[in-house]
Amino acid sequence: MDEPRTVTEARRTVLRRKVRWIVGFTIGYNVIEAAVSIAAGAAASSTALIAFGLDSVIEVLSAAVIAWQFSRRDPDRWQKPALRAIAIAFFALAAYVILSAGFSFAGLVEAEPSPLGIVIACLSLVIMPGVAGVERRAGTELGSASVIADARQLLLCAWLSGSMLLGLAANALLGWAWADSIAALVIAGFAIKEGIEAWSGEAEPPVTLDVA
């Protein structure tokens, strides 16, 4: 096992500033993504797109929790409630996805092809993994389980984007409206797993912070 790393106070200040920048970008991007996805989903009667938009809303809430935590005088003190809030966001995401898939399987909604939805999925699939990687590295070095949990949620968003892209493409090209529901249920499983880990605090990395 790797030896715990020591992070100086100066380095910790830089990392916290980076986290705040990432959080600001995530909130701005996901607000736009949520509005466009929900509007496109409503226009195409696409449950997957609407669910993806709701996922973006949850991403905003998760990022807002991290922003709130790192606006405190002692962010480490607020790590447990921040982790719990992020865990709840994971569970809510899973619930939305499962509900969405259920509507599709029940035949209550018949989605139409959505070129705009495909563009949104492609953008998210390209952008989110990079942002998640930067945040995870910062969280690991900083020793913040809540930041790592938020980075995992960004990565989950990318997985969901890939799932939605496959589903929208299959619907547009092959008429397989059920394909995105199958992939969405896989993502819901990941969301539940990450939510349980965030709730229990298992995302905590082996890092020692040096305040000297």
Protein backbone atom coordinates (compact mmCIF):
# COMPACT_ATOMS: atom_id res chain seq x y z
CA MET A 1 0.00 0.00 0.00
CA ASP A 2 1.26 3.50 -0.77
CA GLU A 3 2.46 5.59 2.14
CA PRO A 4 0.15 8.47 3.14
CA ARG A 5 1.10 11.71 1.48
CA THR A 6 1.54 15.02 3.27
CA VAL A 7 -0.05 18.16 1.82
CA THR A 8 1.19 21.53 3.02
CA GLU A 9 -1.18 24.38 3.88
CA ALA A 10 -0.03 26.37 0.81
CA ARG A 11 -0.71 23.43 -1.50
CA ARG A 12 -4.06 22.80 0.18
CA THR A 13 -5.07 26.42 -0.52
CA VAL A 14 -4.24 25.94 -4.23
CA LEU A 15 -6.21 22.69 -4.34
CA ARG A 16 -9.23 24.25 -2.66
CA ARG A 17 -9.16 27.07 -5.20
CA LYS A 18 -9.05 24.50 -8.01
CA VAL A 19 -12.01 22.65 -6.50
CA ARG A 20 -14.02 25.89 -6.35
CA TRP A 21 -13.21 26.56 -10.03
CA ILE A 22 -14.27 23.04 -11.02
CA VAL A 23 -17.48 23.37 -9.02
CA GLY A 24 -18.28 26.71 -10.69
CA PHE A 25 -17.75 25.24 -14.15
CA THR A 26 -19.81 22.14 -13.30
CA ILE A 27 -22.74 24.22 -12.06
CA GLY A 28 -22.72 26.48 -15.13
CA TYR A 29 -22.40 23.62 -17.62
CA ASN A 30 -25.05 21.47 -16.00
CA VAL A 31 -27.58 24.28 -15.68
CA ILE A 32 -27.39 24.72 -19.47
CA GLU A 33 -27.35 20.96 -20.07
CA ALA A 34 -30.37 20.42 -17.83
CA ALA A 35 -32.45 23.11 -19.52
CA VAL A 36 -31.61 21.92 -23.05
CA SER A 37 -32.02 18.20 -22.23
CA ILE A 38 -35.38 18.60 -20.53
CA ALA A 39 -36.69 20.83 -23.32
CA ALA A 40 -35.43 18.42 -26.01
CA GLY A 41 -36.80 15.45 -24.09
CA ALA A 42 -40.24 17.03 -23.77
CA ALA A 43 -40.28 17.85 -27.49
CA ALA A 44 -39.33 14.27 -28.45
CA SER A 45 -41.26 12.53 -25.64
CA SER A 46 -37.92 11.01 -24.67
CA THR A 47 -37.89 9.72 -21.10
CA ALA A 48 -34.14 9.12 -21.34
CA LEU A 49 -33.46 12.73 -22.29
CA ILE A 50 -35.68 14.07 -19.52
CA ALA A 51 -33.99 11.74 -17.03
CA PHE A 52 -30.61 12.96 -18.28
CA GLY A 53 -31.73 16.54 -17.71
CA LEU A 54 -32.79 15.64 -14.18
CA ASP A 55 -29.38 14.04 -13.70
CA SER A 56 -27.85 17.38 -14.64
CA VAL A 57 -30.00 19.04 -11.98
CA ILE A 58 -28.63 16.56 -9.43
CA GLU A 59 -25.10 17.35 -10.64
CA VAL A 60 -25.77 21.03 -9.92
CA LEU A 61 -27.02 20.19 -6.43
CA SER A 62 -23.96 18.01 -5.76
CA ALA A 63 -21.59 20.73 -6.96
CA ALA A 64 -23.46 23.27 -4.84
CA VAL A 65 -22.90 21.05 -1.79
CA ILE A 66 -19.14 21.03 -2.47
CA ALA A 67 -19.17 24.81 -3.03
CA TRP A 68 -20.95 25.23 0.30
CA GLN A 69 -18.49 22.93 2.08
CA PHE A 70 -15.44 24.76 0.73
CA SER A 71 -16.90 28.16 1.61
CA ARG A 72 -16.73 27.16 5.30
CA ARG A 73 -13.82 28.20 7.46
CA ASP A 74 -13.00 24.54 8.16
CA PRO A 75 -14.17 22.42 5.17
CA ASP A 76 -13.03 19.13 6.76
CA ARG A 77 -15.52 19.64 9.60
CA TRP A 78 -18.40 19.57 7.10
CA GLN A 79 -17.20 16.57 5.11
CA LYS A 80 -19.65 14.04 6.59
CA PRO A 81 -22.85 16.05 5.88
CA ALA A 82 -21.50 16.88 2.40
CA LEU A 83 -20.92 13.17 1.72
CA ARG A 84 -24.42 12.33 2.95
CA ALA A 85 -25.94 14.96 0.65
CA ILE A 86 -23.98 13.61 -2.33
CA ALA A 87 -25.09 10.05 -1.46
CA ILE A 88 -28.71 11.18 -1.48
CA ALA A 89 -28.11 12.73 -4.91
CA PHE A 90 -26.79 9.37 -6.15
CA PHE A 91 -29.86 7.57 -4.83
CA ALA A 92 -32.17 10.17 -6.37
CA LEU A 93 -30.40 9.76 -9.71
CA ALA A 94 -30.87 5.99 -9.55
CA ALA A 95 -34.55 6.44 -8.72
CA TYR A 96 -35.09 8.78 -11.66
CA VAL A 97 -33.34 6.41 -14.08
CA ILE A 98 -35.26 3.35 -12.86
CA LEU A 99 -38.54 5.26 -13.09
CA SER A 100 -37.63 6.39 -16.59
CA ALA A 101 -36.80 2.85 -17.70
CA GLY A 102 -40.02 1.58 -16.16
CA PHE A 103 -42.11 4.02 -18.17
CA SER A 104 -40.33 2.94 -21.34
CA PHE A 105 -40.75 -0.78 -20.70
CA ALA A 106 -44.42 -0.28 -19.84
CA GLY A 107 -44.96 1.36 -23.21
CA LEU A 108 -46.33 4.53 -21.59
CA VAL A 109 -43.98 6.72 -23.62
CA GLU A 110 -42.83 6.26 -27.20
CA ALA A 111 -39.74 8.36 -27.79
CA GLU A 112 -39.09 10.04 -31.11
CA PRO A 113 -35.57 10.45 -32.58
CA SER A 114 -33.77 13.50 -31.18
CA PRO A 115 -30.71 14.82 -33.07
CA LEU A 116 -30.30 17.53 -30.41
CA GLY A 117 -30.24 14.85 -27.72
CA ILE A 118 -27.47 13.01 -29.57
CA VAL A 119 -25.40 16.23 -29.69
CA ILE A 120 -25.92 16.81 -25.95
CA ALA A 121 -24.85 13.25 -25.16
CA CYS A 122 -21.70 13.57 -27.29
CA LEU A 123 -20.69 16.84 -25.63
CA SER A 124 -21.16 15.43 -22.14
CA LEU A 125 -19.30 12.23 -23.06
CA VAL A 126 -16.30 14.32 -24.16
CA ILE A 127 -16.31 16.98 -21.41
CA MET A 128 -17.31 15.20 -18.20
CA PRO A 129 -14.54 12.54 -17.97
CA GLY A 130 -11.86 15.24 -18.21
CA VAL A 131 -13.47 17.42 -15.56
CA ALA A 132 -14.02 14.40 -13.31
CA GLY A 133 -10.36 13.41 -13.65
CA VAL A 134 -9.13 16.86 -12.63
CA GLU A 135 -11.49 16.99 -9.65
CA ARG A 136 -10.62 13.48 -8.52
CA ARG A 137 -6.88 14.21 -8.57
CA ALA A 138 -7.45 17.38 -6.56
CA GLY A 139 -9.71 15.56 -4.09
CA THR A 140 -7.24 12.70 -3.66
CA GLU A 141 -4.34 15.03 -2.97
CA LEU A 142 -6.48 17.19 -0.71
CA GLY A 143 -7.77 14.18 1.19
CA SER A 144 -11.43 15.09 0.67
CA ALA A 145 -13.85 12.18 0.36
CA SER A 146 -16.67 14.55 -0.60
CA VAL A 147 -14.71 15.98 -3.54
CA ILE A 148 -13.86 12.46 -4.72
CA ALA A 149 -17.52 11.48 -4.43
CA ASP A 150 -18.52 14.49 -6.53
CA ALA A 151 -15.89 13.53 -9.13
CA ARG A 152 -17.37 10.03 -9.24
CA GLN A 153 -20.76 11.55 -9.88
CA LEU A 154 -19.33 13.52 -12.83
CA LEU A 155 -17.88 10.28 -14.20
CA LEU A 156 -21.24 8.61 -13.70
CA CYS A 157 -22.74 11.44 -15.75
CA ALA A 158 -20.35 10.51 -18.56
CA TRP A 159 -21.42 6.85 -18.32
CA LEU A 160 -25.03 7.97 -18.46
CA SER A 161 -24.21 10.11 -21.50
CA GLY A 162 -22.75 7.08 -23.27
CA SER A 163 -25.77 5.00 -22.35
CA MET A 164 -28.14 7.68 -23.58
CA LEU A 165 -26.14 8.11 -26.79
CA LEU A 166 -26.38 4.39 -27.57
CA GLY A 167 -30.08 4.42 -26.82
CA LEU A 168 -30.85 7.51 -28.89
CA ALA A 169 -28.74 6.22 -31.78
CA ALA A 170 -30.41 2.79 -31.66
CA ASN A 171 -33.82 4.45 -31.61
CA ALA A 172 -32.96 6.77 -34.51
CA LEU A 173 -31.22 4.15 -36.68
CA LEU A 174 -32.89 0.85 -35.74
CA GLY A 175 -36.09 1.79 -33.97
CA TRP A 176 -34.96 0.03 -30.75
CA ALA A 177 -36.69 2.27 -28.21
CA TRP A 178 -35.90 -0.21 -25.39
CA ALA A 179 -32.10 -0.06 -25.80
CA ASP A 180 -31.53 3.08 -23.72
CA SER A 181 -33.69 1.66 -20.92
CA ILE A 182 -31.45 -1.41 -20.61
CA ALA A 183 -28.30 0.73 -20.46
CA ALA A 184 -29.97 3.15 -18.04
CA LEU A 185 -30.64 0.34 -15.56
CA VAL A 186 -26.93 -0.55 -15.61
CA ILE A 187 -26.10 3.08 -14.79
CA ALA A 188 -28.70 3.03 -11.99
CA GLY A 189 -26.78 0.11 -10.47
CA PHE A 190 -23.57 2.15 -10.53
CA ALA A 191 -25.40 5.09 -8.93
CA ILE A 192 -26.67 2.95 -6.07
CA LYS A 193 -23.19 1.51 -5.46
CA GLU A 194 -21.57 4.96 -5.43
CA GLY A 195 -24.32 6.29 -3.19
CA ILE A 196 -23.74 3.55 -0.62
CA GLU A 197 -19.98 4.20 -0.64
CA ALA A 198 -20.45 7.96 -0.28
CA TRP A 199 -22.93 7.48 2.59
CA SER A 200 -20.54 5.18 4.46
CA GLY A 201 -17.53 7.40 3.77
CA GLU A 202 -15.60 4.68 1.94
CA ALA A 203 -14.35 7.22 -0.63
CA GLU A 204 -11.84 8.53 1.93
CA PRO A 205 -8.29 8.27 0.47
CA PRO A 206 -5.10 7.61 2.50
CA VAL A 207 -3.88 11.21 2.68
CA THR A 208 -2.56 13.10 5.68
CA LEU A 209 -2.99 16.89 5.71
CA ASP A 210 -0.22 18.99 7.16
CA VAL A 211 -1.49 22.30 8.52
CA ALA A 212 1.97 23.49 9.43
